N, C-alpha and C. Protein backbone atom coordinates (compact mmCIF):
# COMPACT_ATOMS: atom_id res chain seq x y z
N MET A 1 -3.09 -7.04 14.60
CA MET A 1 -2.06 -6.24 13.81
C MET A 1 -3.18 -5.69 12.65
N SER A 2 -3.08 -4.45 12.31
CA SER A 2 -3.95 -3.95 11.27
C SER A 2 -3.15 -3.44 10.08
N TYR A 3 -3.78 -3.62 9.02
CA TYR A 3 -3.19 -3.28 7.71
C TYR A 3 -3.96 -2.28 6.94
N ARG A 4 -3.45 -1.65 6.10
CA ARG A 4 -4.12 -0.60 5.29
C ARG A 4 -3.80 -0.86 3.85
N VAL A 5 -4.77 -0.97 3.03
CA VAL A 5 -4.59 -1.20 1.51
C VAL A 5 -4.44 0.10 0.89
N SER A 6 -3.41 0.35 0.17
CA SER A 6 -3.19 1.70 -0.50
C SER A 6 -2.85 1.33 -1.93
N THR A 7 -3.17 2.33 -2.80
CA THR A 7 -2.91 2.11 -4.16
C THR A 7 -2.01 3.34 -4.79
N ILE A 8 -1.64 3.18 -6.02
CA ILE A 8 -0.80 4.22 -6.71
C ILE A 8 -1.79 5.02 -7.62
N GLN A 9 -1.43 6.20 -7.90
CA GLN A 9 -2.35 7.03 -8.77
C GLN A 9 -2.64 6.57 -10.20
N PRO A 10 -1.67 5.82 -10.80
CA PRO A 10 -2.05 5.29 -12.15
C PRO A 10 -3.09 4.12 -11.98
N PHE A 11 -3.06 3.36 -11.01
CA PHE A 11 -4.01 2.38 -10.71
C PHE A 11 -5.50 3.14 -10.43
N GLU A 12 -5.49 4.08 -9.69
CA GLU A 12 -6.79 4.73 -9.46
C GLU A 12 -7.37 5.16 -10.75
N ARG A 13 -6.59 5.78 -11.77
CA ARG A 13 -7.02 6.19 -13.00
C ARG A 13 -7.62 5.17 -13.79
N GLU A 14 -6.80 3.98 -13.81
CA GLU A 14 -7.21 2.82 -14.64
C GLU A 14 -8.45 2.24 -14.23
N ILE A 15 -8.62 2.05 -12.78
CA ILE A 15 -9.84 1.43 -12.30
C ILE A 15 -11.02 2.33 -12.55
N LYS A 16 -10.92 3.58 -12.51
CA LYS A 16 -12.00 4.44 -12.82
C LYS A 16 -12.54 4.32 -14.26
N CYS A 17 -11.60 4.23 -15.24
CA CYS A 17 -11.94 3.97 -16.60
C CYS A 17 -12.45 2.56 -16.77
N SER A 18 -11.96 1.59 -16.13
CA SER A 18 -12.35 0.16 -16.15
C SER A 18 -13.79 0.00 -15.62
N ILE A 19 -14.18 0.83 -14.66
CA ILE A 19 -15.50 0.57 -14.03
C ILE A 19 -16.68 0.79 -15.05
N ARG A 20 -16.41 1.62 -15.96
CA ARG A 20 -17.45 1.84 -17.04
C ARG A 20 -17.54 0.77 -17.93
N LYS A 21 -16.58 0.04 -18.08
CA LYS A 21 -16.59 -1.09 -19.04
C LYS A 21 -16.99 -2.42 -18.41
N TYR A 22 -16.56 -2.50 -17.06
CA TYR A 22 -16.85 -3.73 -16.43
C TYR A 22 -17.58 -3.43 -15.03
N ARG A 23 -18.95 -3.62 -15.34
CA ARG A 23 -19.96 -3.23 -14.25
C ARG A 23 -19.78 -3.97 -12.97
N SER A 24 -19.23 -5.17 -12.92
CA SER A 24 -19.08 -5.85 -11.56
C SER A 24 -17.83 -5.46 -10.84
N LEU A 25 -16.93 -4.60 -11.58
CA LEU A 25 -15.66 -4.33 -10.94
C LEU A 25 -15.72 -3.65 -9.66
N PRO A 26 -16.61 -2.77 -9.32
CA PRO A 26 -16.64 -2.19 -7.94
C PRO A 26 -16.91 -3.33 -6.95
N ASP A 27 -17.91 -4.19 -7.23
CA ASP A 27 -18.27 -5.29 -6.15
C ASP A 27 -16.95 -6.23 -6.01
N GLU A 28 -16.35 -6.58 -7.23
CA GLU A 28 -15.12 -7.44 -7.10
C GLU A 28 -14.06 -6.82 -6.37
N TYR A 29 -13.83 -5.52 -6.51
CA TYR A 29 -12.65 -4.76 -5.86
C TYR A 29 -13.07 -4.73 -4.48
N GLY A 30 -14.33 -4.55 -4.02
CA GLY A 30 -14.69 -4.56 -2.67
C GLY A 30 -14.35 -5.83 -1.98
N GLN A 31 -14.66 -6.86 -2.70
CA GLN A 31 -14.51 -8.17 -2.18
C GLN A 31 -12.99 -8.50 -1.97
N LEU A 32 -12.22 -7.96 -2.83
CA LEU A 32 -10.84 -8.11 -2.67
C LEU A 32 -10.22 -7.49 -1.51
N ILE A 33 -10.83 -6.17 -1.30
CA ILE A 33 -10.22 -5.40 -0.11
C ILE A 33 -10.67 -6.18 1.27
N GLU A 34 -11.94 -6.69 1.17
CA GLU A 34 -12.37 -7.35 2.37
C GLU A 34 -11.58 -8.69 2.51
N SER A 35 -11.27 -9.34 1.57
CA SER A 35 -10.37 -10.58 1.60
C SER A 35 -9.03 -10.25 2.26
N LEU A 36 -8.57 -9.11 1.72
CA LEU A 36 -7.22 -8.80 2.19
C LEU A 36 -7.16 -8.36 3.66
N ALA A 37 -8.25 -7.80 4.04
CA ALA A 37 -8.46 -7.38 5.50
C ALA A 37 -8.44 -8.62 6.33
N ASP A 38 -9.15 -9.65 5.91
CA ASP A 38 -9.21 -10.93 6.72
C ASP A 38 -7.85 -11.66 6.62
N ASN A 39 -7.26 -11.67 5.48
CA ASN A 39 -6.06 -12.56 5.37
C ASN A 39 -4.98 -11.65 4.66
N PRO A 40 -4.29 -10.84 5.17
CA PRO A 40 -3.41 -9.93 4.39
C PRO A 40 -2.09 -10.66 3.78
N ARG A 41 -1.81 -11.84 4.24
CA ARG A 41 -0.73 -12.52 3.64
C ARG A 41 -1.08 -13.60 2.59
N GLN A 42 -2.23 -13.48 2.02
CA GLN A 42 -2.77 -14.53 1.10
C GLN A 42 -2.02 -14.43 -0.35
N GLY A 43 -2.03 -15.50 -0.98
CA GLY A 43 -1.42 -15.52 -2.21
C GLY A 43 -0.21 -16.37 -2.31
N THR A 44 0.46 -16.23 -3.42
CA THR A 44 1.65 -17.08 -3.71
C THR A 44 2.86 -16.31 -3.51
N SER A 45 3.86 -16.78 -2.63
CA SER A 45 5.14 -16.11 -2.49
C SER A 45 5.95 -15.98 -3.96
N LEU A 46 6.44 -14.76 -4.12
CA LEU A 46 7.26 -14.60 -5.26
C LEU A 46 8.71 -14.53 -5.12
N GLY A 47 9.03 -14.86 -3.78
CA GLY A 47 10.56 -14.87 -3.36
C GLY A 47 10.58 -14.52 -1.93
N SER A 48 11.89 -14.51 -1.51
CA SER A 48 11.95 -14.20 -0.06
C SER A 48 12.57 -12.85 0.25
N TRP A 49 12.11 -11.94 -0.44
CA TRP A 49 12.69 -10.49 -0.29
C TRP A 49 11.89 -9.80 0.79
N LEU A 50 10.93 -10.32 1.60
CA LEU A 50 10.37 -9.57 2.71
C LEU A 50 10.92 -9.96 3.91
């Protein structure tokens, strides 16, 4: 099964501004995307609405 990570426009604007302030953000964001590709159902369940 394959998944695709997508973002919303306000997030894209915020991350571009934040990259200037936090230099490690591009690497950390890339690691997050890779981690989600390996295990897309990671994290803590917030309820049973899925």
